Amino acid sequence: MPVREHRPLIAVTTGNRPDRGGMPRLAVNRSYVSALQAAGADVVLLPPAPSGQPPAAPALLDRLDGVLMPGGADVNPERYGEAPTEGLGDVDDDLDTLELALVRAAIDRGLPVFGICRGHQVVNVAMRGTLYQDIVRDGLSGLSHTTDPALGRDHLAHVIEIRAGSRLHALVGAGRLEVNSFHHQAVRAVAPDLGVSAVSAVDGVIEGLESADGRILTVQCHPEELTNHDWARALFSGFVAAAGAGVAHLR
């Protein structure tokens, strides 16, 4: 029997998302999974644990090669020492508990981390950064970064500027990109061990973060919905390659 080629095992978290009848369900958009699989990864979905139990079993974490934090509900501001303000959307405390712990566990184990939209914000909070609870109400920008759903998930809403020398720049091979946009929160204080890799060309909203060694990379846009673009596929292939080869592959 031929030996099966090793495919990195990537964890993707699932959040609480009741159905229309109020029945409890766990969900994540399939596009994240499809993008990872197309890039050569196997995927395991991680649900929040019941209250009082560890967020994720160490035995499971030991089998992972990387973690992806997807989009979803707002991060509860209590997680970064603030009270909720007007404009805060729905929060998922169980998911916050899982994802904040998972980011820290991945860092401890030297695993690559890829954060997308909410995931971009979660990584920053997990590493001691803070957020704007609402871009417009908090006075960061007069431009809403929440695109009308009728325009589609692949609608290119604005341009981001990518900093030369960043890992993000190396992966996408460009200094400017048109991206989609489905968020109303944003990074405020950048975590001490992260650096800004991209900002909105329109208003300077932080659109990308990364660690100095390149193991952690986050974007505010949704590349999983833009895999018809070379740069979006490159983000997933780069992440999966890093997960398969370890930290030494990153530079």
C-alpha atoms as a PDB file:
ATOM      1  CA  MET A   1       0.000   0.000   0.000  1.00  0.00           C
ATOM      2  CA  PRO A   2       1.482   3.399  -0.964  1.00  0.00           C
ATOM      3  CA  VAL A   3       2.348   5.772   1.863  1.00  0.00           C
ATOM      4  CA  ARG A   4      -0.090   8.683   1.999  1.00  0.00           C
ATOM      5  CA  GLU A   5       1.549  12.063   1.587  1.00  0.00           C
ATOM      6  CA  HIS A   6       1.466  14.015   4.834  1.00  0.00           C
ATOM      7  CA  ARG A   7      -1.059  16.822   4.752  1.00  0.00           C
ATOM      8  CA  PRO A   8      -0.766  19.368   7.565  1.00  0.00           C
ATOM      9  CA  LEU A   9      -3.617  19.221  10.053  1.00  0.00           C
ATOM     10  CA  ILE A  10      -5.159  22.652  10.566  1.00  0.00           C
ATOM     11  CA  ALA A  11      -7.700  23.491  13.268  1.00  0.00           C
ATOM     12  CA  VAL A  12     -10.549  25.857  12.453  1.00  0.00           C
ATOM     13  CA  THR A  13     -12.850  26.986  15.258  1.00  0.00           C
ATOM     14  CA  THR A  14     -16.638  26.839  15.151  1.00  0.00           C
ATOM     15  CA  GLY A  15     -18.953  29.299  16.893  1.00  0.00           C
ATOM     16  CA  ASN A  16     -22.431  29.208  18.364  1.00  0.00           C
ATOM     17  CA  ARG A  17     -24.978  29.982  15.662  1.00  0.00           C
ATOM     18  CA  PRO A  18     -28.610  29.081  16.507  1.00  0.00           C
ATOM     19  CA  ASP A  19     -30.869  28.203  13.581  1.00  0.00           C
ATOM     20  CA  ARG A  20     -34.000  30.165  12.752  1.00  0.00           C
ATOM     21  CA  GLY A  21     -36.000  28.147  15.243  1.00  0.00           C
ATOM     22  CA  GLY A  22     -33.571  28.867  18.040  1.00  0.00           C
ATOM     23  CA  MET A  23     -32.046  25.392  18.097  1.00  0.00           C
ATOM     24  CA  PRO A  24     -28.375  25.469  19.161  1.00  0.00           C
ATOM     25  CA  ARG A  25     -25.914  24.829  16.356  1.00  0.00           C
ATOM     26  CA  LEU A  26     -22.191  25.164  15.769  1.00  0.00           C
ATOM     27  CA  ALA A  27     -21.044  26.577  12.458  1.00  0.00           C
ATOM     28  CA  VAL A  28     -18.256  28.044  10.367  1.00  0.00           C
ATOM     29  CA  ASN A  29     -18.395  29.152   6.742  1.00  0.00           C
ATOM     30  CA  ARG A  30     -17.344  26.310   4.453  1.00  0.00           C
ATOM     31  CA  SER A  31     -15.148  28.647   2.399  1.00  0.00           C
ATOM     32  CA  TYR A  32     -12.413  28.538   5.070  1.00  0.00           C
ATOM     33  CA  VAL A  33     -12.303  24.753   4.953  1.00  0.00           C
ATOM     34  CA  SER A  34     -12.399  24.635   1.156  1.00  0.00           C
ATOM     35  CA  ALA A  35      -9.535  27.128   0.847  1.00  0.00           C
ATOM     36  CA  LEU A  36      -7.374  25.132   3.272  1.00  0.00           C
ATOM     37  CA  GLN A  37      -8.138  21.830   1.567  1.00  0.00           C
ATOM     38  CA  ALA A  38      -7.324  23.299  -1.842  1.00  0.00           C
ATOM     39  CA  ALA A  39      -3.987  24.468  -0.425  1.00  0.00           C
ATOM     40  CA  GLY A  40      -3.137  20.933   0.696  1.00  0.00           C
ATOM     41  CA  ALA A  41      -4.302  20.715   4.310  1.00  0.00           C
ATOM     42  CA  ASP A  42      -6.555  18.422   6.275  1.00  0.00           C
ATOM     43  CA  VAL A  43      -8.957  20.262   8.564  1.00  0.00           C
ATOM     44  CA  VAL A  44     -10.376  19.567  12.013  1.00  0.00           C
ATOM     45  CA  LEU A  45     -13.206  21.715  13.373  1.00  0.00           C
ATOM     46  CA  LEU A  46     -12.887  22.702  17.030  1.00  0.00           C
ATOM     47  CA  PRO A  47     -16.067  23.533  18.981  1.00  0.00           C
ATOM     48  CA  PRO A  48     -16.197  25.549  22.209  1.00  0.00           C
ATOM     49  CA  ALA A  49     -16.049  23.366  25.318  1.00  0.00           C
ATOM     50  CA  PRO A  50     -18.824  23.197  27.916  1.00  0.00           C
ATOM     51  CA  SER A  51     -18.459  25.701  30.739  1.00  0.00           C
ATOM     52  CA  GLY A  52     -15.871  24.644  33.297  1.00  0.00           C
ATOM     53  CA  GLN A  53     -13.937  22.350  30.962  1.00  0.00           C
ATOM     54  CA  PRO A  54     -10.569  23.119  29.300  1.00  0.00           C
ATOM     55  CA  PRO A  55     -11.078  24.955  25.976  1.00  0.00           C
ATOM     56  CA  ALA A  56      -9.185  22.269  24.015  1.00  0.00           C
ATOM     57  CA  ALA A  57      -7.600  18.974  25.037  1.00  0.00           C
ATOM     58  CA  PRO A  58      -3.775  19.061  25.101  1.00  0.00           C
ATOM     59  CA  ALA A  59      -3.668  15.680  23.323  1.00  0.00           C
ATOM     60  CA  LEU A  60      -5.549  17.211  20.406  1.00  0.00           C
ATOM     61  CA  LEU A  61      -3.406  20.348  20.351  1.00  0.00           C
ATOM     62  CA  ASP A  62      -0.306  18.166  20.166  1.00  0.00           C
ATOM     63  CA  ARG A  63      -1.527  16.735  16.847  1.00  0.00           C
ATOM     64  CA  LEU A  64      -2.087  20.086  15.154  1.00  0.00           C
ATOM     65  CA  ASP A  65       0.259  21.692  12.630  1.00  0.00           C
ATOM     66  CA  GLY A  66      -1.448  25.098  12.572  1.00  0.00           C
ATOM     67  CA  VAL A  67      -4.573  26.999  13.568  1.00  0.00           C
ATOM     68  CA  LEU A  68      -6.865  29.290  11.589  1.00  0.00           C
ATOM     69  CA  MET A  69      -9.091  31.784  13.376  1.00  0.00           C
ATOM     70  CA  PRO A  70     -12.084  32.632  11.142  1.00  0.00           C
ATOM     71  CA  GLY A  71     -14.563  35.492  11.067  1.00  0.00           C
ATOM     72  CA  GLY A  72     -17.570  35.633  13.358  1.00  0.00           C
ATOM     73  CA  ALA A  73     -19.117  37.516  16.256  1.00  0.00           C
ATOM     74  CA  ASP A  74     -17.576  40.507  18.025  1.00  0.00           C
ATOM     75  CA  VAL A  75     -14.961  39.883  20.699  1.00  0.00           C
ATOM     76  CA  ASN A  76     -16.370  40.699  24.135  1.00  0.00           C
ATOM     77  CA  PRO A  77     -14.586  43.924  25.224  1.00  0.00           C
ATOM     78  CA  GLU A  78     -14.294  42.524  28.742  1.00  0.00           C
ATOM     79  CA  ARG A  79     -11.544  40.336  27.261  1.00  0.00           C
ATOM     80  CA  TYR A  80      -9.375  43.428  26.823  1.00  0.00           C
ATOM     81  CA  GLY A  81     -10.456  45.304  29.936  1.00  0.00           C
ATOM     82  CA  GLU A  82     -13.248  47.518  28.609  1.00  0.00           C
ATOM     83  CA  ALA A  83     -16.966  47.805  29.234  1.00  0.00           C
ATOM     84  CA  PRO A  84     -19.326  47.339  26.270  1.00  0.00           C
ATOM     85  CA  THR A  85     -20.294  50.546  24.457  1.00  0.00           C
ATOM     86  CA  GLU A  86     -23.015  51.446  21.990  1.00  0.00           C
ATOM     87  CA  GLY A  87     -22.332  49.811  18.656  1.00  0.00           C
ATOM     88  CA  LEU A  88     -21.056  46.503  20.003  1.00  0.00           C
ATOM     89  CA  GLY A  89     -22.624  43.599  18.132  1.00  0.00           C
ATOM     90  CA  ASP A  90     -23.363  40.040  19.210  1.00  0.00           C
ATOM     91  CA  VAL A  91     -20.660  38.318  21.241  1.00  0.00           C
ATOM     92  CA  ASP A  92     -19.928  34.612  21.764  1.00  0.00           C
ATOM     93  CA  ASP A  93     -18.235  34.160  25.136  1.00  0.00           C
ATOM     94  CA  ASP A  94     -17.720  30.420  24.656  1.00  0.00           C
ATOM     95  CA  LEU A  95     -15.926  31.081  21.380  1.00  0.00           C
ATOM     96  CA  ASP A  96     -13.833  33.854  22.947  1.00  0.00           C
ATOM     97  CA  THR A  97     -12.682  31.406  25.628  1.00  0.00           C
ATOM     98  CA  LEU A  98     -11.745  28.769  23.057  1.00  0.00           C
ATOM     99  CA  GLU A  99      -9.993  31.048  20.606  1.00  0.00           C
ATOM    100  CA  LEU A 100      -8.014  33.139  23.069  1.00  0.00           C
ATOM    101  CA  ALA A 101      -6.702  29.970  24.705  1.00  0.00           C
ATOM    102  CA  LEU A 102      -6.018  28.371  21.319  1.00  0.00           C
ATOM    103  CA  VAL A 103      -3.947  31.305  20.084  1.00  0.00           C
ATOM    104  CA  ARG A 104      -1.832  31.209  23.238  1.00  0.00           C
ATOM    105  CA  ALA A 105      -1.434  27.427  23.032  1.00  0.00           C
ATOM    106  CA  ALA A 106      -0.357  27.691  19.385  1.00  0.00           C
ATOM    107  CA  ILE A 107       2.241  30.308  20.294  1.00  0.00           C
ATOM    108  CA  ASP A 108       3.557  28.106  23.107  1.00  0.00           C
ATOM    109  CA  ARG A 109       3.866  25.180  20.673  1.00  0.00           C
ATOM    110  CA  GLY A 110       5.421  27.235  17.871  1.00  0.00           C
ATOM    111  CA  LEU A 111       2.504  26.586  15.502  1.00  0.00           C
ATOM    112  CA  PRO A 112       1.680  28.917  12.607  1.00  0.00           C
ATOM    113  CA  VAL A 113      -1.456  31.007  13.194  1.00  0.00           C
ATOM    114  CA  PHE A 114      -3.611  32.592  10.481  1.00  0.00           C
ATOM    115  CA  GLY A 115      -6.293  35.055  11.638  1.00  0.00           C
ATOM    116  CA  ILE A 116      -9.066  36.318   9.360  1.00  0.00           C
ATOM    117  CA  CYS A 117     -11.431  39.223  10.211  1.00  0.00           C
ATOM    118  CA  ARG A 118     -12.620  38.360  13.752  1.00  0.00           C
ATOM    119  CA  GLY A 119      -9.566  36.093  13.848  1.00  0.00           C
ATOM    120  CA  HIS A 120      -7.330  39.090  13.127  1.00  0.00           C
ATOM    121  CA  GLN A 121      -8.871  40.825  16.127  1.00  0.00           C
ATOM    122  CA  VAL A 122      -8.816  37.734  18.379  1.00  0.00           C
ATOM    123  CA  VAL A 123      -5.095  37.222  17.803  1.00  0.00           C
ATOM    124  CA  ASN A 124      -4.426  40.831  18.756  1.00  0.00           C
ATOM    125  CA  VAL A 125      -6.484  40.533  21.954  1.00  0.00           C
ATOM    126  CA  ALA A 126      -4.923  37.166  22.858  1.00  0.00           C
ATOM    127  CA  MET A 127      -1.508  38.824  22.652  1.00  0.00           C
ATOM    128  CA  ARG A 128      -2.568  41.813  24.845  1.00  0.00           C
ATOM    129  CA  GLY A 129      -3.850  44.250  22.254  1.00  0.00           C
ATOM    130  CA  THR A 130      -7.188  46.112  22.200  1.00  0.00           C
ATOM    131  CA  LEU A 131      -9.967  46.869  19.719  1.00  0.00           C
ATOM    132  CA  TYR A 132     -12.266  49.650  18.580  1.00  0.00           C
ATOM    133  CA  GLN A 133     -15.734  48.356  19.423  1.00  0.00           C
ATOM    134  CA  ASP A 134     -17.199  50.189  16.433  1.00  0.00           C
ATOM    135  CA  ILE A 135     -15.103  52.023  13.853  1.00  0.00           C
ATOM    136  CA  VAL A 136     -17.574  54.845  13.228  1.00  0.00           C
ATOM    137  CA  ARG A 137     -18.941  55.368  16.763  1.00  0.00           C
ATOM    138  CA  ASP A 138     -15.428  55.301  18.228  1.00  0.00           C
ATOM    139  CA  GLY A 139     -14.332  58.000  15.796  1.00  0.00           C
ATOM    140  CA  LEU A 140     -11.689  55.984  13.936  1.00  0.00           C
ATOM    141  CA  SER A 141     -13.272  56.551  10.529  1.00  0.00           C
ATOM    142  CA  GLY A 142     -16.365  58.006   8.942  1.00  0.00           C
ATOM    143  CA  LEU A 143     -16.377  55.114   6.476  1.00  0.00           C
ATOM    144  CA  SER A 144     -18.288  51.975   7.366  1.00  0.00           C
ATOM    145  CA  HIS A 145     -16.228  48.877   6.577  1.00  0.00           C
ATOM    146  CA  THR A 146     -19.331  46.681   6.506  1.00  0.00           C
ATOM    147  CA  THR A 147     -20.265  45.945   2.895  1.00  0.00           C
ATOM    148  CA  ASP A 148     -23.916  45.536   1.913  1.00  0.00           C
ATOM    149  CA  PRO A 149     -24.431  41.727   1.711  1.00  0.00           C
ATOM    150  CA  ALA A 150     -26.378  42.212  -1.519  1.00  0.00           C
ATOM    151  CA  LEU A 151     -23.088  43.106  -3.230  1.00  0.00           C
ATOM    152  CA  GLY A 152     -21.711  39.628  -2.513  1.00  0.00           C
ATOM    153  CA  ARG A 153     -18.916  38.232  -0.384  1.00  0.00           C
ATOM    154  CA  ASP A 154     -16.393  38.763  -3.180  1.00  0.00           C
ATOM    155  CA  HIS A 155     -17.123  42.464  -3.633  1.00  0.00           C
ATOM    156  CA  LEU A 156     -13.882  44.478  -3.628  1.00  0.00           C
ATOM    157  CA  ALA A 157     -14.659  47.353  -1.276  1.00  0.00           C
ATOM    158  CA  HIS A 158     -11.400  49.278  -0.893  1.00  0.00           C
ATOM    159  CA  VAL A 159      -7.621  49.223  -1.289  1.00  0.00           C
ATOM    160  CA  ILE A 160      -5.091  48.222   1.357  1.00  0.00           C
ATOM    161  CA  GLU A 161      -1.456  49.278   1.440  1.00  0.00           C
ATOM    162  CA  ILE A 162       1.018  46.525   2.361  1.00  0.00           C
ATOM    163  CA  ARG A 163       4.302  47.323   4.019  1.00  0.00           C
ATOM    164  CA  ALA A 164       7.474  46.389   2.154  1.00  0.00           C
ATOM    165  CA  GLY A 165       9.560  43.753   3.914  1.00  0.00           C
ATOM    166  CA  SER A 166       6.584  42.155   5.645  1.00  0.00           C
ATOM    167  CA  ARG A 167       5.748  38.478   5.274  1.00  0.00           C
ATOM    168  CA  LEU A 168       2.363  39.537   3.916  1.00  0.00           C
ATOM    169  CA  HIS A 169       4.117  41.468   1.149  1.00  0.00           C
ATOM    170  CA  ALA A 170       6.332  38.466   0.365  1.00  0.00           C
ATOM    171  CA  LEU A 171       3.323  36.163   0.098  1.00  0.00           C
ATOM    172  CA  VAL A 172       1.052  38.325  -2.055  1.00  0.00           C
ATOM    173  CA  GLY A 173       3.817  39.953  -4.108  1.00  0.00           C
ATOM    174  CA  ALA A 174       2.197  43.395  -4.145  1.00  0.00           C
ATOM    175  CA  GLY A 175       2.220  46.667  -2.253  1.00  0.00           C
ATOM    176  CA  ARG A 176      -1.474  47.416  -2.824  1.00  0.00           C
ATOM    177  CA  LEU A 177      -4.507  45.171  -3.116  1.00  0.00           C
ATOM    178  CA  GLU A 178      -8.250  45.574  -3.523  1.00  0.00           C
ATOM    179  CA  VAL A 179     -10.000  43.609  -0.777  1.00  0.00           C
ATOM    180  CA  ASN A 180     -13.468  42.754   0.471  1.00  0.00           C
ATOM    181  CA  SER A 181     -14.639  44.120   3.819  1.00  0.00           C
ATOM    182  CA  PHE A 182     -17.168  42.798   6.357  1.00  0.00           C
ATOM    183  CA  HIS A 183     -16.287  44.231   9.756  1.00  0.00           C
ATOM    184  CA  HIS A 184     -17.231  47.092  12.048  1.00  0.00           C
ATOM    185  CA  GLN A 185     -14.575  46.547  14.723  1.00  0.00           C
ATOM    186  CA  ALA A 186     -10.851  47.114  14.248  1.00  0.00           C
ATOM    187  CA  VAL A 187      -7.497  46.848  15.980  1.00  0.00           C
ATOM    188  CA  ARG A 188      -6.819  49.792  18.306  1.00  0.00           C
ATOM    189  CA  ALA A 189      -3.659  49.139  20.367  1.00  0.00           C
ATOM    190  CA  VAL A 190      -1.427  46.650  18.588  1.00  0.00           C
ATOM    191  CA  ALA A 191      -0.204  43.788  20.791  1.00  0.00           C
ATOM    192  CA  PRO A 192       3.438  44.167  21.907  1.00  0.00           C
ATOM    193  CA  ASP A 193       4.719  41.183  19.888  1.00  0.00           C
ATOM    194  CA  LEU A 194       2.908  42.054  16.662  1.00  0.00           C
ATOM    195  CA  GLY A 195       3.633  44.564  13.926  1.00  0.00           C
ATOM    196  CA  VAL A 196       1.353  46.226  11.374  1.00  0.00           C
ATOM    197  CA  SER A 197       1.718  44.765   7.880  1.00  0.00           C
ATOM    198  CA  ALA A 198      -1.172  46.514   6.087  1.00  0.00           C
ATOM    199  CA  VAL A 199      -3.548  49.458   6.469  1.00  0.00           C
ATOM    200  CA  SER A 200      -6.582  50.721   4.604  1.00  0.00           C
ATOM    201  CA  ALA A 201      -5.571  53.239   1.961  1.00  0.00           C
ATOM    202  CA  VAL A 202      -8.792  55.127   2.651  1.00  0.00           C
ATOM    203  CA  ASP A 203      -8.551  55.790   6.398  1.00  0.00           C
ATOM    204  CA  GLY A 204      -5.590  53.946   7.900  1.00  0.00           C
ATOM    205  CA  VAL A 205      -7.596  51.186   9.606  1.00  0.00           C
ATOM    206  CA  ILE A 206      -5.189  48.357  10.459  1.00  0.00           C
ATOM    207  CA  GLU A 207      -5.736  45.565   7.930  1.00  0.00           C
ATOM    208  CA  GLY A 208      -2.846  43.215   8.676  1.00  0.00           C
ATOM    209  CA  LEU A 209      -0.678  42.103  11.589  1.00  0.00           C
ATOM    210  CA  GLU A 210       2.210  39.674  11.890  1.00  0.00           C
ATOM    211  CA  SER A 211       4.898  38.489  14.290  1.00  0.00           C
ATOM    212  CA  ALA A 212       8.564  39.209  13.648  1.00  0.00           C
ATOM    213  CA  ASP A 213       9.283  35.546  12.840  1.00  0.00           C
ATOM    214  CA  GLY A 214       6.318  35.302  10.466  1.00  0.00           C
ATOM    215  CA  ARG A 215       4.618  32.453  12.325  1.00  0.00           C
ATOM    216  CA  ILE A 216       1.585  34.647  13.069  1.00  0.00           C
ATOM    217  CA  LEU A 217      -0.175  36.442  10.226  1.00  0.00           C
ATOM    218  CA  THR A 218      -3.586  38.101  10.249  1.00  0.00           C
ATOM    219  CA  VAL A 219      -5.726  40.019   7.771  1.00  0.00           C
ATOM    220  CA  GLN A 220      -8.916  42.005   8.262  1.00  0.00           C
ATOM    221  CA  CYS A 221     -10.330  41.089   4.836  1.00  0.00           C
ATOM    222  CA  HIS A 222     -11.764  37.706   3.795  1.00  0.00           C
ATOM    223  CA  PRO A 223      -9.350  35.961   1.381  1.00  0.00           C
ATOM    224  CA  GLU A 224     -11.308  32.703   1.682  1.00  0.00           C
ATOM    225  CA  GLU A 225     -14.002  34.401  -0.431  1.00  0.00           C
ATOM    226  CA  LEU A 226     -11.481  35.625  -3.029  1.00  0.00           C
ATOM    227  CA  THR A 227      -9.660  32.447  -4.020  1.00  0.00           C
ATOM    228  CA  ASN A 228     -10.147  33.296  -7.694  1.00  0.00           C
ATOM    229  CA  HIS A 229      -7.337  35.816  -7.032  1.00  0.00           C
ATOM    230  CA  ASP A 230      -3.734  34.593  -6.992  1.00  0.00           C
ATOM    231  CA  TRP A 231      -2.858  36.630  -3.900  1.00  0.00           C
ATOM    232  CA  ALA A 232      -5.673  35.122  -1.822  1.00  0.00           C
ATOM    233  CA  ARG A 233      -4.665  31.579  -2.747  1.00  0.00           C
ATOM    234  CA  ALA A 234      -1.064  32.488  -1.906  1.00  0.00           C
ATOM    235  CA  LEU A 235      -2.060  33.344   1.664  1.00  0.00           C
ATOM    236  CA  PHE A 236      -3.516  29.887   2.191  1.00  0.00           C
ATOM    237  CA  SER A 237      -0.739  28.024   0.391  1.00  0.00           C
ATOM    238  CA  GLY A 238       1.880  29.937   2.376  1.00  0.00           C
ATOM    239  CA  PHE A 239       0.143  29.163   5.656  1.00  0.00           C
ATOM    240  CA  VAL A 240      -0.276  25.474   4.825  1.00  0.00           C
ATOM    241  CA  ALA A 241       3.338  25.202   3.671  1.00  0.00           C
ATOM    242  CA  ALA A 242       4.509  26.755   6.937  1.00  0.00           C
ATOM    243  CA  ALA A 243       2.309  24.371   8.911  1.00  0.00           C
ATOM    244  CA  GLY A 244       3.799  21.421   7.050  1.00  0.00           C
ATOM    245  CA  ALA A 245       7.419  22.460   7.199  1.00  0.00           C
ATOM    246  CA  GLY A 246       7.647  24.194  10.585  1.00  0.00           C
ATOM    247  CA  VAL A 247       9.054  27.550  11.539  1.00  0.00           C
ATOM    248  CA  ALA A 248      12.222  27.076   9.467  1.00  0.00           C
ATOM    249  CA  HIS A 249      10.139  27.260   6.281  1.00  0.00           C
ATOM    250  CA  LEU A 250       8.962  30.779   6.986  1.00  0.00           C
ATOM    251  CA  ARG A 251      12.094  32.678   6.110  1.00  0.00           C
END
